[in-house]
Amino acid sequence: MAQIGQMTGVENPKLKENRKIKFFLERVKTSPYLFVGAGKQYSGQEAYAHLKMKYGFVRGRIQTAEESIDHIATRSSLSGKTYTVKIEERGSACQVHQSLSSPEQTT
């Protein structure tokens, strides 16, 4: 049975945002970057597990993928310190929003 969004060609906004969040988390998981938080460096797999756990706590309060990134991936909820992403090839760090693009930006 087709969903209404499929019949009209319009994607449900909530489903679209969930797809973006899933894309973001999968991108973190498979990333070659090092994620830095609490003074330690974490692999993409480790960062994914942590962010997925944090997302589980705030899921009901988040409406968009941008809010998701703001709430779970930009700073520590305990210390308030900003997370960074270390890009090995360049030897530098950048903020999460700048390093991980949305599905719309990868085509």
C-alpha atoms as a PDB file:
ATOM      1  CA  MET A   1       0.000   0.000   0.000  1.00  0.00           C
ATOM      2  CA  ALA A   2       1.475   3.355  -1.030  1.00  0.00           C
ATOM      3  CA  GLN A   3       1.886   6.130   1.516  1.00  0.00           C
ATOM      4  CA  ILE A   4       0.261   9.482   0.783  1.00  0.00           C
ATOM      5  CA  GLY A   5       3.664  11.137   0.341  1.00  0.00           C
ATOM      6  CA  GLN A   6       4.564   8.563  -2.296  1.00  0.00           C
ATOM      7  CA  MET A   7       1.319   9.200  -4.208  1.00  0.00           C
ATOM      8  CA  THR A   8       1.796  12.970  -4.234  1.00  0.00           C
ATOM      9  CA  GLY A   9       5.542  12.898  -4.772  1.00  0.00           C
ATOM     10  CA  VAL A  10       6.029  14.942  -1.574  1.00  0.00           C
ATOM     11  CA  GLU A  11       8.184  13.442   1.155  1.00  0.00           C
ATOM     12  CA  ASN A  12       6.924  13.649   4.729  1.00  0.00           C
ATOM     13  CA  PRO A  13       9.089  16.332   6.433  1.00  0.00           C
ATOM     14  CA  LYS A  14       9.636  14.184   9.550  1.00  0.00           C
ATOM     15  CA  LEU A  15      10.797  11.234   7.420  1.00  0.00           C
ATOM     16  CA  LYS A  16      13.089  13.532   5.450  1.00  0.00           C
ATOM     17  CA  GLU A  17      14.706  14.832   8.642  1.00  0.00           C
ATOM     18  CA  ASN A  18      15.065  11.286  10.017  1.00  0.00           C
ATOM     19  CA  ARG A  19      16.786  10.307   6.756  1.00  0.00           C
ATOM     20  CA  LYS A  20      19.206  13.229   7.147  1.00  0.00           C
ATOM     21  CA  ILE A  21      19.980  12.289  10.749  1.00  0.00           C
ATOM     22  CA  LYS A  22      20.602   8.666   9.765  1.00  0.00           C
ATOM     23  CA  PHE A  23      22.847   9.874   6.915  1.00  0.00           C
ATOM     24  CA  PHE A  24      24.801  12.060   9.326  1.00  0.00           C
ATOM     25  CA  LEU A  25      25.308   9.248  11.838  1.00  0.00           C
ATOM     26  CA  GLU A  26      26.364   6.793   9.105  1.00  0.00           C
ATOM     27  CA  ARG A  27      28.771   9.395   7.744  1.00  0.00           C
ATOM     28  CA  VAL A  28      30.354   9.733  11.182  1.00  0.00           C
ATOM     29  CA  LYS A  29      30.570   5.933  11.511  1.00  0.00           C
ATOM     30  CA  THR A  30      32.468   5.480   8.243  1.00  0.00           C
ATOM     31  CA  SER A  31      34.533   8.634   8.526  1.00  0.00           C
ATOM     32  CA  PRO A  32      38.330   8.505   8.381  1.00  0.00           C
ATOM     33  CA  TYR A  33      38.437  11.573  10.669  1.00  0.00           C
ATOM     34  CA  LEU A  34      39.301  11.554  14.341  1.00  0.00           C
ATOM     35  CA  PHE A  35      36.629  13.030  16.570  1.00  0.00           C
ATOM     36  CA  VAL A  36      37.958  14.978  19.541  1.00  0.00           C
ATOM     37  CA  GLY A  37      36.045  15.409  22.782  1.00  0.00           C
ATOM     38  CA  ALA A  38      36.967  15.514  26.465  1.00  0.00           C
ATOM     39  CA  GLY A  39      40.625  15.778  25.471  1.00  0.00           C
ATOM     40  CA  LYS A  40      40.605  12.392  23.738  1.00  0.00           C
ATOM     41  CA  GLN A  41      40.510  11.279  20.100  1.00  0.00           C
ATOM     42  CA  TYR A  42      37.870   8.816  18.929  1.00  0.00           C
ATOM     43  CA  SER A  43      37.438   6.834  15.717  1.00  0.00           C
ATOM     44  CA  GLY A  44      34.340   7.259  13.585  1.00  0.00           C
ATOM     45  CA  GLN A  45      32.927   4.017  15.018  1.00  0.00           C
ATOM     46  CA  GLU A  46      33.415   5.244  18.591  1.00  0.00           C
ATOM     47  CA  ALA A  47      31.965   8.679  17.823  1.00  0.00           C
ATOM     48  CA  TYR A  48      28.988   7.057  16.074  1.00  0.00           C
ATOM     49  CA  ALA A  49      28.188   4.911  19.116  1.00  0.00           C
ATOM     50  CA  HIS A  50      28.380   7.926  21.416  1.00  0.00           C
ATOM     51  CA  LEU A  51      26.296  10.206  19.181  1.00  0.00           C
ATOM     52  CA  LYS A  52      23.684   7.507  18.615  1.00  0.00           C
ATOM     53  CA  MET A  53      23.339   7.097  22.382  1.00  0.00           C
ATOM     54  CA  LYS A  54      22.984  10.872  22.839  1.00  0.00           C
ATOM     55  CA  TYR A  55      20.421  11.018  20.025  1.00  0.00           C
ATOM     56  CA  GLY A  56      18.326   8.410  21.824  1.00  0.00           C
ATOM     57  CA  PHE A  57      17.979  10.794  24.767  1.00  0.00           C
ATOM     58  CA  VAL A  58      16.902  13.860  22.752  1.00  0.00           C
ATOM     59  CA  ARG A  59      15.070  12.275  19.807  1.00  0.00           C
ATOM     60  CA  GLY A  60      11.593  13.381  20.934  1.00  0.00           C
ATOM     61  CA  ARG A  61      12.681  17.021  21.348  1.00  0.00           C
ATOM     62  CA  ILE A  62      14.401  17.413  17.972  1.00  0.00           C
ATOM     63  CA  GLN A  63      12.573  18.473  14.828  1.00  0.00           C
ATOM     64  CA  THR A  64      15.356  18.841  12.246  1.00  0.00           C
ATOM     65  CA  ALA A  65      18.719  17.336  11.336  1.00  0.00           C
ATOM     66  CA  GLU A  66      20.383  20.677  12.089  1.00  0.00           C
ATOM     67  CA  GLU A  67      18.916  20.627  15.601  1.00  0.00           C
ATOM     68  CA  SER A  68      20.160  17.070  15.941  1.00  0.00           C
ATOM     69  CA  ILE A  69      23.703  18.108  15.100  1.00  0.00           C
ATOM     70  CA  ASP A  70      23.458  21.116  17.421  1.00  0.00           C
ATOM     71  CA  HIS A  71      22.222  19.010  20.345  1.00  0.00           C
ATOM     72  CA  ILE A  72      24.319  15.871  20.036  1.00  0.00           C
ATOM     73  CA  ALA A  73      27.373  16.546  17.908  1.00  0.00           C
ATOM     74  CA  THR A  74      28.724  20.029  18.474  1.00  0.00           C
ATOM     75  CA  ARG A  75      29.564  20.028  22.159  1.00  0.00           C
ATOM     76  CA  SER A  76      29.670  17.927  25.292  1.00  0.00           C
ATOM     77  CA  SER A  77      26.425  18.046  27.239  1.00  0.00           C
ATOM     78  CA  LEU A  78      28.458  17.607  30.436  1.00  0.00           C
ATOM     79  CA  SER A  79      31.315  20.092  30.035  1.00  0.00           C
ATOM     80  CA  GLY A  80      29.867  22.341  27.312  1.00  0.00           C
ATOM     81  CA  LYS A  81      33.180  22.139  25.435  1.00  0.00           C
ATOM     82  CA  THR A  82      33.014  22.082  21.632  1.00  0.00           C
ATOM     83  CA  TYR A  83      33.742  18.832  19.820  1.00  0.00           C
ATOM     84  CA  THR A  84      36.176  19.053  16.933  1.00  0.00           C
ATOM     85  CA  VAL A  85      37.077  16.818  14.023  1.00  0.00           C
ATOM     86  CA  LYS A  86      40.728  16.194  13.276  1.00  0.00           C
ATOM     87  CA  ILE A  87      41.464  15.716   9.613  1.00  0.00           C
ATOM     88  CA  GLU A  88      44.683  13.708   9.427  1.00  0.00           C
ATOM     89  CA  GLU A  89      45.674  14.772   5.903  1.00  0.00           C
ATOM     90  CA  ARG A  90      45.627  18.437   6.813  1.00  0.00           C
ATOM     91  CA  GLY A  91      46.619  18.088  10.440  1.00  0.00           C
ATOM     92  CA  SER A  92      43.873  20.504  11.470  1.00  0.00           C
ATOM     93  CA  ALA A  93      40.583  20.466  13.295  1.00  0.00           C
ATOM     94  CA  CYS A  94      37.226  21.876  12.237  1.00  0.00           C
ATOM     95  CA  GLN A  95      33.706  22.004  13.578  1.00  0.00           C
ATOM     96  CA  VAL A  96      31.299  19.158  12.843  1.00  0.00           C
ATOM     97  CA  HIS A  97      28.894  21.247  10.755  1.00  0.00           C
ATOM     98  CA  GLN A  98      31.706  22.087   8.329  1.00  0.00           C
ATOM     99  CA  SER A  99      33.101  18.576   7.962  1.00  0.00           C
ATOM    100  CA  LEU A 100      30.013  16.453   7.431  1.00  0.00           C
ATOM    101  CA  SER A 101      27.670  17.523   4.673  1.00  0.00           C
ATOM    102  CA  SER A 102      24.014  16.597   4.349  1.00  0.00           C
ATOM    103  CA  PRO A 103      22.727  14.138   1.730  1.00  0.00           C
ATOM    104  CA  GLU A 104      21.598  17.031  -0.461  1.00  0.00           C
ATOM    105  CA  GLN A 105      25.162  18.349  -0.644  1.00  0.00           C
ATOM    106  CA  THR A 106      26.759  15.083  -1.741  1.00  0.00           C
ATOM    107  CA  THR A 107      25.173  14.645  -5.155  1.00  0.00           C
END
